[in-house]
């Protein structure tokens, strides 16, 4: 995939605790990661950095060779970094309660394996259809699923920032992992909630479908989130499958 990404501190934060990176293994498969540190002043950026670095290092030296193996790889490696973060959080008071959300994807020839924990999201634009391919691990999403509030009410729900899963907050880091077929022209978007909570799906889709460079798409998405107030750090990663692949 051709990949572009950008991260921004936003309008109201004093520090960017998001992290984003891409890695390539010996077979040419690609790993893409967005991590959004949580814990405010409690070193969320450290947890996000540790997560990205761990996954990247492991991918470069012992990457999965097929989609089914990638599902198990994500589950194993996320649990290992979860254990590392929990261990580090006990070494210094400033690391207590640090954690991170994460969304990541591995691109094989004609398949994507997408993993997430927390409310960082993955989207896929395929044949004019734009859809979220991750599940938010958040209180709001649980309330919507149980029928306690509507999807419309969820947009302005006062406890919208509460997440129910993350890396580094409990002994069990339960991730969601799914496989998707990809075709020429498909676009993958990975992002932190600084984008998804401030920019509508329709606005995101319009920018992705526009005839501009991928780096400019990243820039425009971040600008939209900042124009809407930019209360959080904003990170976007776009992957495009062109006709020279596969």
C-alpha atoms as a PDB file:
ATOM      1  CA  UNK A   1       0.000   0.000   0.000  1.00  0.00           C
ATOM      2  CA  UNK A   2       1.009   3.577  -0.484  1.00  0.00           C
ATOM      3  CA  UNK A   3       0.900   5.227   2.933  1.00  0.00           C
ATOM      4  CA  UNK A   4       0.770   8.777   4.259  1.00  0.00           C
ATOM      5  CA  UNK A   5       0.252   9.952   7.816  1.00  0.00           C
ATOM      6  CA  UNK A   6       0.256  13.058   9.977  1.00  0.00           C
ATOM      7  CA  UNK A   7      -0.200  13.871  13.654  1.00  0.00           C
ATOM      8  CA  UNK A   8      -1.089  17.182  15.280  1.00  0.00           C
ATOM      9  CA  UNK A   9      -1.292  18.445  18.854  1.00  0.00           C
ATOM     10  CA  UNK A  10      -4.712  20.023  18.266  1.00  0.00           C
ATOM     11  CA  UNK A  11      -5.948  23.330  19.672  1.00  0.00           C
ATOM     12  CA  UNK A  12      -6.327  22.660  23.379  1.00  0.00           C
ATOM     13  CA  UNK A  13      -3.636  20.213  24.516  1.00  0.00           C
ATOM     14  CA  UNK A  14      -0.129  21.079  25.733  1.00  0.00           C
ATOM     15  CA  UNK A  15       1.401  17.799  24.586  1.00  0.00           C
ATOM     16  CA  UNK A  16       0.847  15.339  21.741  1.00  0.00           C
ATOM     17  CA  UNK A  17       0.385  11.875  23.273  1.00  0.00           C
ATOM     18  CA  UNK A  18      -0.509  10.233  19.955  1.00  0.00           C
ATOM     19  CA  UNK A  19       2.032   8.102  18.150  1.00  0.00           C
ATOM     20  CA  UNK A  20       1.983   6.824  14.567  1.00  0.00           C
ATOM     21  CA  UNK A  21       4.411   4.697  12.552  1.00  0.00           C
ATOM     22  CA  UNK A  22       4.750   2.196   9.711  1.00  0.00           C
ATOM     23  CA  UNK A  23       7.066  -0.786   9.339  1.00  0.00           C
ATOM     24  CA  UNK A  24       7.959  -3.210   6.537  1.00  0.00           C
ATOM     25  CA  UNK A  25       9.076  -6.812   7.045  1.00  0.00           C
ATOM     26  CA  UNK A  26      11.437  -8.898   4.907  1.00  0.00           C
ATOM     27  CA  UNK A  27       8.548 -10.063   2.704  1.00  0.00           C
ATOM     28  CA  UNK A  28       7.390  -6.529   1.979  1.00  0.00           C
ATOM     29  CA  UNK A  29       4.287  -6.732   4.158  1.00  0.00           C
ATOM     30  CA  UNK A  30       3.416  -3.508   5.939  1.00  0.00           C
ATOM     31  CA  UNK A  31       2.409  -2.768   9.523  1.00  0.00           C
ATOM     32  CA  UNK A  32       0.613   0.509  10.258  1.00  0.00           C
ATOM     33  CA  UNK A  33      -0.034   1.689  13.826  1.00  0.00           C
ATOM     34  CA  UNK A  34      -1.805   4.584  15.551  1.00  0.00           C
ATOM     35  CA  UNK A  35      -1.661   4.728  19.356  1.00  0.00           C
ATOM     36  CA  UNK A  36      -3.408   7.346  21.511  1.00  0.00           C
ATOM     37  CA  UNK A  37      -1.899   7.646  24.987  1.00  0.00           C
ATOM     38  CA  UNK A  38      -4.305   8.021  27.900  1.00  0.00           C
ATOM     39  CA  UNK A  39      -3.871   9.173  31.458  1.00  0.00           C
ATOM     40  CA  UNK A  40      -3.413  12.889  30.854  1.00  0.00           C
ATOM     41  CA  UNK A  41      -0.282  13.917  32.734  1.00  0.00           C
ATOM     42  CA  UNK A  42       0.319  10.289  33.705  1.00  0.00           C
ATOM     43  CA  UNK A  43       2.658   9.522  30.830  1.00  0.00           C
ATOM     44  CA  UNK A  44       0.162   8.345  28.226  1.00  0.00           C
ATOM     45  CA  UNK A  45       2.749   9.267  25.617  1.00  0.00           C
ATOM     46  CA  UNK A  46       5.161   6.756  27.168  1.00  0.00           C
ATOM     47  CA  UNK A  47       2.601   3.951  26.875  1.00  0.00           C
ATOM     48  CA  UNK A  48       1.835   4.890  23.269  1.00  0.00           C
ATOM     49  CA  UNK A  49       5.541   5.044  22.382  1.00  0.00           C
ATOM     50  CA  UNK A  50       6.217   1.671  24.037  1.00  0.00           C
ATOM     51  CA  UNK A  51       3.330   0.070  22.136  1.00  0.00           C
ATOM     52  CA  UNK A  52       4.401   1.352  18.737  1.00  0.00           C
ATOM     53  CA  UNK A  53       8.072   0.513  19.323  1.00  0.00           C
ATOM     54  CA  UNK A  54       7.347  -3.011  20.566  1.00  0.00           C
ATOM     55  CA  UNK A  55       5.030  -3.917  17.697  1.00  0.00           C
ATOM     56  CA  UNK A  56       7.388  -2.393  15.156  1.00  0.00           C
ATOM     57  CA  UNK A  57      10.469  -4.212  16.430  1.00  0.00           C
ATOM     58  CA  UNK A  58       8.665  -7.546  16.594  1.00  0.00           C
ATOM     59  CA  UNK A  59       7.230  -7.083  13.112  1.00  0.00           C
ATOM     60  CA  UNK A  60      10.638  -6.430  11.610  1.00  0.00           C
ATOM     61  CA  UNK A  61      12.229  -9.538  13.159  1.00  0.00           C
ATOM     62  CA  UNK A  62       9.366 -12.046  13.533  1.00  0.00           C
ATOM     63  CA  UNK A  63       6.390 -10.958  11.459  1.00  0.00           C
ATOM     64  CA  UNK A  64       3.371 -13.121  10.612  1.00  0.00           C
ATOM     65  CA  UNK A  65       3.472 -14.607   7.128  1.00  0.00           C
ATOM     66  CA  UNK A  66      -0.291 -14.966   6.539  1.00  0.00           C
ATOM     67  CA  UNK A  67      -3.537 -13.304   7.690  1.00  0.00           C
ATOM     68  CA  UNK A  68      -4.576 -16.090  10.065  1.00  0.00           C
ATOM     69  CA  UNK A  69      -1.165 -16.014  11.713  1.00  0.00           C
ATOM     70  CA  UNK A  70      -1.432 -12.210  11.962  1.00  0.00           C
ATOM     71  CA  UNK A  71      -4.559 -12.506  14.097  1.00  0.00           C
ATOM     72  CA  UNK A  72      -2.688 -14.633  16.625  1.00  0.00           C
ATOM     73  CA  UNK A  73       0.398 -12.391  16.332  1.00  0.00           C
ATOM     74  CA  UNK A  74      -1.578  -9.270  17.250  1.00  0.00           C
ATOM     75  CA  UNK A  75      -3.190 -10.965  20.252  1.00  0.00           C
ATOM     76  CA  UNK A  76       0.148 -12.256  21.537  1.00  0.00           C
ATOM     77  CA  UNK A  77       2.207  -9.120  20.999  1.00  0.00           C
ATOM     78  CA  UNK A  78      -0.400  -6.739  22.420  1.00  0.00           C
ATOM     79  CA  UNK A  79      -0.614  -8.865  25.559  1.00  0.00           C
ATOM     80  CA  UNK A  80       3.182  -8.790  25.864  1.00  0.00           C
ATOM     81  CA  UNK A  81       3.378  -5.004  25.580  1.00  0.00           C
ATOM     82  CA  UNK A  82       0.463  -4.736  28.004  1.00  0.00           C
ATOM     83  CA  UNK A  83       2.529  -6.693  30.533  1.00  0.00           C
ATOM     84  CA  UNK A  84       5.544  -4.441  29.889  1.00  0.00           C
ATOM     85  CA  UNK A  85       3.521  -1.262  30.453  1.00  0.00           C
ATOM     86  CA  UNK A  86       1.985  -2.612  33.661  1.00  0.00           C
ATOM     87  CA  UNK A  87       5.466  -3.491  34.913  1.00  0.00           C
ATOM     88  CA  UNK A  88       6.858  -0.053  34.063  1.00  0.00           C
ATOM     89  CA  UNK A  89       3.885   1.696  35.696  1.00  0.00           C
ATOM     90  CA  UNK A  90       5.040   0.284  39.042  1.00  0.00           C
ATOM     91  CA  UNK A  91       8.568   1.669  38.741  1.00  0.00           C
ATOM     92  CA  UNK A  92       7.703   5.363  39.102  1.00  0.00           C
ATOM     93  CA  UNK A  93       4.644   7.268  40.384  1.00  0.00           C
ATOM     94  CA  UNK A  94       4.549   9.340  37.187  1.00  0.00           C
ATOM     95  CA  UNK A  95       3.839   6.181  35.179  1.00  0.00           C
ATOM     96  CA  UNK A  96       0.903   5.038  37.317  1.00  0.00           C
ATOM     97  CA  UNK A  97      -2.346   4.575  35.381  1.00  0.00           C
ATOM     98  CA  UNK A  98      -0.697   5.248  32.019  1.00  0.00           C
ATOM     99  CA  UNK A  99      -2.166   3.401  29.070  1.00  0.00           C
ATOM    100  CA  UNK A 100      -2.977   3.708  25.408  1.00  0.00           C
ATOM    101  CA  UNK A 101      -5.585   2.878  22.834  1.00  0.00           C
ATOM    102  CA  UNK A 102      -4.401   1.401  19.550  1.00  0.00           C
ATOM    103  CA  UNK A 103      -5.505   0.642  16.042  1.00  0.00           C
ATOM    104  CA  UNK A 104      -3.162  -1.223  13.704  1.00  0.00           C
ATOM    105  CA  UNK A 105      -3.263  -3.035  10.400  1.00  0.00           C
ATOM    106  CA  UNK A 106      -1.073  -5.454   8.474  1.00  0.00           C
ATOM    107  CA  UNK A 107      -1.373  -5.345   4.690  1.00  0.00           C
ATOM    108  CA  UNK A 108      -0.931  -8.601   2.812  1.00  0.00           C
ATOM    109  CA  UNK A 109      -1.361  -8.979  -0.967  1.00  0.00           C
ATOM    110  CA  UNK A 110      -5.148  -8.811  -1.078  1.00  0.00           C
ATOM    111  CA  UNK A 111      -6.100  -8.808   2.591  1.00  0.00           C
ATOM    112  CA  UNK A 112      -5.936  -6.508   5.580  1.00  0.00           C
ATOM    113  CA  UNK A 113      -5.817  -7.661   9.181  1.00  0.00           C
ATOM    114  CA  UNK A 114      -7.006  -4.845  11.442  1.00  0.00           C
ATOM    115  CA  UNK A 115      -6.648  -4.865  15.232  1.00  0.00           C
ATOM    116  CA  UNK A 116      -7.906  -2.364  17.777  1.00  0.00           C
ATOM    117  CA  UNK A 117      -8.397  -1.748  21.472  1.00  0.00           C
ATOM    118  CA  UNK A 118     -10.096   1.348  22.854  1.00  0.00           C
ATOM    119  CA  UNK A 119     -11.631   4.022  20.627  1.00  0.00           C
ATOM    120  CA  UNK A 120      -8.960   4.618  18.004  1.00  0.00           C
ATOM    121  CA  UNK A 121     -10.627   3.618  14.741  1.00  0.00           C
ATOM    122  CA  UNK A 122     -10.097   1.950  11.406  1.00  0.00           C
ATOM    123  CA  UNK A 123     -12.195   2.716   8.328  1.00  0.00           C
ATOM    124  CA  UNK A 124     -12.268   1.258   4.833  1.00  0.00           C
ATOM    125  CA  UNK A 125     -13.362   3.069   1.688  1.00  0.00           C
ATOM    126  CA  UNK A 126     -14.351   0.481  -0.908  1.00  0.00           C
ATOM    127  CA  UNK A 127     -16.314   1.109  -4.108  1.00  0.00           C
ATOM    128  CA  UNK A 128     -17.839   4.409  -2.895  1.00  0.00           C
ATOM    129  CA  UNK A 129     -18.789   2.840   0.462  1.00  0.00           C
ATOM    130  CA  UNK A 130     -17.130   4.198   3.606  1.00  0.00           C
ATOM    131  CA  UNK A 131     -17.437   2.026   6.702  1.00  0.00           C
ATOM    132  CA  UNK A 132     -15.915   1.672  10.148  1.00  0.00           C
ATOM    133  CA  UNK A 133     -14.142  -1.688  10.418  1.00  0.00           C
ATOM    134  CA  UNK A 134     -13.280  -1.515  14.120  1.00  0.00           C
ATOM    135  CA  UNK A 135     -15.450  -1.664  17.226  1.00  0.00           C
ATOM    136  CA  UNK A 136     -15.180   1.133  19.794  1.00  0.00           C
ATOM    137  CA  UNK A 137     -14.458  -0.144  23.287  1.00  0.00           C
ATOM    138  CA  UNK A 138     -16.209   2.734  25.010  1.00  0.00           C
ATOM    139  CA  UNK A 139     -19.015   3.317  27.483  1.00  0.00           C
ATOM    140  CA  UNK A 140     -21.002   5.215  24.872  1.00  0.00           C
ATOM    141  CA  UNK A 141     -20.804   2.356  22.369  1.00  0.00           C
ATOM    142  CA  UNK A 142     -21.919  -0.131  24.997  1.00  0.00           C
ATOM    143  CA  UNK A 143     -24.912   2.086  25.846  1.00  0.00           C
ATOM    144  CA  UNK A 144     -25.842   2.323  22.159  1.00  0.00           C
ATOM    145  CA  UNK A 145     -25.545  -1.434  21.713  1.00  0.00           C
ATOM    146  CA  UNK A 146     -27.719  -2.087  24.774  1.00  0.00           C
ATOM    147  CA  UNK A 147     -30.373   0.353  23.549  1.00  0.00           C
ATOM    148  CA  UNK A 148     -29.986   2.741  26.498  1.00  0.00           C
ATOM    149  CA  UNK A 149     -29.145   5.664  24.218  1.00  0.00           C
ATOM    150  CA  UNK A 150     -29.445   6.255  20.472  1.00  0.00           C
ATOM    151  CA  UNK A 151     -26.541   6.754  18.084  1.00  0.00           C
ATOM    152  CA  UNK A 152     -27.632  10.393  17.756  1.00  0.00           C
ATOM    153  CA  UNK A 153     -27.657  10.880  21.538  1.00  0.00           C
ATOM    154  CA  UNK A 154     -24.210   9.292  21.723  1.00  0.00           C
ATOM    155  CA  UNK A 155     -22.684  12.194  19.782  1.00  0.00           C
ATOM    156  CA  UNK A 156     -23.248  14.589  22.695  1.00  0.00           C
ATOM    157  CA  UNK A 157     -23.199  12.151  25.590  1.00  0.00           C
ATOM    158  CA  UNK A 158     -21.380  13.725  28.589  1.00  0.00           C
ATOM    159  CA  UNK A 159     -19.273  10.621  29.302  1.00  0.00           C
ATOM    160  CA  UNK A 160     -18.120  10.118  25.725  1.00  0.00           C
ATOM    161  CA  UNK A 161     -14.450   9.980  26.722  1.00  0.00           C
ATOM    162  CA  UNK A 162     -14.768   6.887  28.927  1.00  0.00           C
ATOM    163  CA  UNK A 163     -13.193   3.829  27.306  1.00  0.00           C
ATOM    164  CA  UNK A 164     -13.749   0.276  28.496  1.00  0.00           C
ATOM    165  CA  UNK A 165     -10.556  -1.324  27.176  1.00  0.00           C
ATOM    166  CA  UNK A 166      -6.998  -0.125  26.662  1.00  0.00           C
ATOM    167  CA  UNK A 167      -3.416  -1.352  26.732  1.00  0.00           C
ATOM    168  CA  UNK A 168      -1.753  -1.021  30.121  1.00  0.00           C
ATOM    169  CA  UNK A 169      -4.781  -0.602  32.382  1.00  0.00           C
ATOM    170  CA  UNK A 170      -5.518  -4.208  33.367  1.00  0.00           C
ATOM    171  CA  UNK A 171      -3.862  -7.622  33.190  1.00  0.00           C
ATOM    172  CA  UNK A 172      -5.974  -8.679  30.216  1.00  0.00           C
ATOM    173  CA  UNK A 173      -5.595  -6.623  27.029  1.00  0.00           C
ATOM    174  CA  UNK A 174      -8.480  -7.924  24.916  1.00  0.00           C
ATOM    175  CA  UNK A 175      -8.145  -6.710  21.370  1.00  0.00           C
ATOM    176  CA  UNK A 176     -10.526  -6.969  18.438  1.00  0.00           C
ATOM    177  CA  UNK A 177      -9.025  -8.405  15.242  1.00  0.00           C
ATOM    178  CA  UNK A 178     -10.711  -8.791  11.841  1.00  0.00           C
ATOM    179  CA  UNK A 179      -9.743  -9.670   8.266  1.00  0.00           C
ATOM    180  CA  UNK A 180     -10.873  -7.814   5.162  1.00  0.00           C
ATOM    181  CA  UNK A 181     -10.350  -8.283   1.440  1.00  0.00           C
ATOM    182  CA  UNK A 182      -8.847  -5.260  -0.291  1.00  0.00           C
ATOM    183  CA  UNK A 183      -8.957  -4.370  -3.962  1.00  0.00           C
ATOM    184  CA  UNK A 184      -7.299  -1.830  -6.208  1.00  0.00           C
ATOM    185  CA  UNK A 185      -8.443   1.664  -5.274  1.00  0.00           C
ATOM    186  CA  UNK A 186      -9.445   0.808  -1.710  1.00  0.00           C
ATOM    187  CA  UNK A 187      -8.360   3.213   1.023  1.00  0.00           C
ATOM    188  CA  UNK A 188      -7.685   2.398   4.667  1.00  0.00           C
ATOM    189  CA  UNK A 189      -7.911   5.115   7.312  1.00  0.00           C
ATOM    190  CA  UNK A 190      -6.527   4.656  10.824  1.00  0.00           C
ATOM    191  CA  UNK A 191      -7.104   7.515  13.268  1.00  0.00           C
ATOM    192  CA  UNK A 192      -7.231   8.597  16.887  1.00  0.00           C
ATOM    193  CA  UNK A 193     -10.519   9.852  18.325  1.00  0.00           C
ATOM    194  CA  UNK A 194      -9.293  13.416  17.896  1.00  0.00           C
ATOM    195  CA  UNK A 195     -10.445  13.015  14.292  1.00  0.00           C
ATOM    196  CA  UNK A 196     -13.438  10.691  14.555  1.00  0.00           C
ATOM    197  CA  UNK A 197     -15.168  12.683  17.303  1.00  0.00           C
ATOM    198  CA  UNK A 198     -14.827  15.997  15.485  1.00  0.00           C
ATOM    199  CA  UNK A 199     -15.279  15.199  11.780  1.00  0.00           C
ATOM    200  CA  UNK A 200     -18.305  13.389  10.357  1.00  0.00           C
ATOM    201  CA  UNK A 201     -18.037  10.212   8.299  1.00  0.00           C
ATOM    202  CA  UNK A 202     -19.411  12.082   5.293  1.00  0.00           C
ATOM    203  CA  UNK A 203     -16.753  14.792   5.559  1.00  0.00           C
ATOM    204  CA  UNK A 204     -14.014  12.177   5.921  1.00  0.00           C
ATOM    205  CA  UNK A 205     -15.294  10.242   2.910  1.00  0.00           C
ATOM    206  CA  UNK A 206     -15.452  13.390   0.780  1.00  0.00           C
ATOM    207  CA  UNK A 207     -11.807  14.177   1.506  1.00  0.00           C
ATOM    208  CA  UNK A 208     -10.670  10.599   0.890  1.00  0.00           C
ATOM    209  CA  UNK A 209     -12.457  10.557  -2.471  1.00  0.00           C
ATOM    210  CA  UNK A 210     -11.043  13.902  -3.573  1.00  0.00           C
ATOM    211  CA  UNK A 211      -8.453  13.943  -6.345  1.00  0.00           C
ATOM    212  CA  UNK A 212      -5.539  15.247  -4.267  1.00  0.00           C
ATOM    213  CA  UNK A 213      -2.298  13.806  -2.916  1.00  0.00           C
ATOM    214  CA  UNK A 214      -2.508  11.516   0.116  1.00  0.00           C
ATOM    215  CA  UNK A 215      -0.424  13.897   2.216  1.00  0.00           C
ATOM    216  CA  UNK A 216      -2.888  16.682   1.406  1.00  0.00           C
ATOM    217  CA  UNK A 217      -5.789  14.438   2.439  1.00  0.00           C
ATOM    218  CA  UNK A 218      -4.103  13.957   5.823  1.00  0.00           C
ATOM    219  CA  UNK A 219      -3.595  17.701   6.116  1.00  0.00           C
ATOM    220  CA  UNK A 220      -7.216  18.484   5.262  1.00  0.00           C
ATOM    221  CA  UNK A 221      -8.593  15.918   7.726  1.00  0.00           C
ATOM    222  CA  UNK A 222      -6.519  17.382  10.548  1.00  0.00           C
ATOM    223  CA  UNK A 223      -7.515  20.909   9.546  1.00  0.00           C
ATOM    224  CA  UNK A 224     -11.195  19.901   9.712  1.00  0.00           C
ATOM    225  CA  UNK A 225     -10.755  18.562  13.252  1.00  0.00           C
ATOM    226  CA  UNK A 226      -8.916  21.707  14.318  1.00  0.00           C
ATOM    227  CA  UNK A 227     -11.543  23.935  12.733  1.00  0.00           C
ATOM    228  CA  UNK A 228     -14.147  22.065  14.802  1.00  0.00           C
ATOM    229  CA  UNK A 229     -12.287  22.999  17.982  1.00  0.00           C
ATOM    230  CA  UNK A 230      -9.423  20.506  18.067  1.00  0.00           C
ATOM    231  CA  UNK A 231      -9.918  19.539  21.728  1.00  0.00           C
ATOM    232  CA  UNK A 232      -7.637  16.506  21.444  1.00  0.00           C
ATOM    233  CA  UNK A 233      -4.520  15.359  19.617  1.00  0.00           C
ATOM    234  CA  UNK A 234      -5.309  14.338  16.041  1.00  0.00           C
ATOM    235  CA  UNK A 235      -3.624  11.545  14.106  1.00  0.00           C
ATOM    236  CA  UNK A 236      -4.516  10.148  10.689  1.00  0.00           C
ATOM    237  CA  UNK A 237      -2.931   7.450   8.543  1.00  0.00           C
ATOM    238  CA  UNK A 238      -4.145   6.674   5.021  1.00  0.00           C
ATOM    239  CA  UNK A 239      -3.234   3.551   3.068  1.00  0.00           C
ATOM    240  CA  UNK A 240      -4.083   3.306  -0.646  1.00  0.00           C
ATOM    241  CA  UNK A 241      -3.932   0.088  -2.643  1.00  0.00           C
ATOM    242  CA  UNK A 242      -2.909   0.970  -6.170  1.00  0.00           C
ATOM    243  CA  UNK A 243      -3.028  -1.141  -9.333  1.00  0.00           C
ATOM    244  CA  UNK A 244       0.685  -1.996  -9.148  1.00  0.00           C
ATOM    245  CA  UNK A 245       0.138  -4.215  -6.115  1.00  0.00           C
ATOM    246  CA  UNK A 246      -0.972  -7.859  -6.011  1.00  0.00           C
END
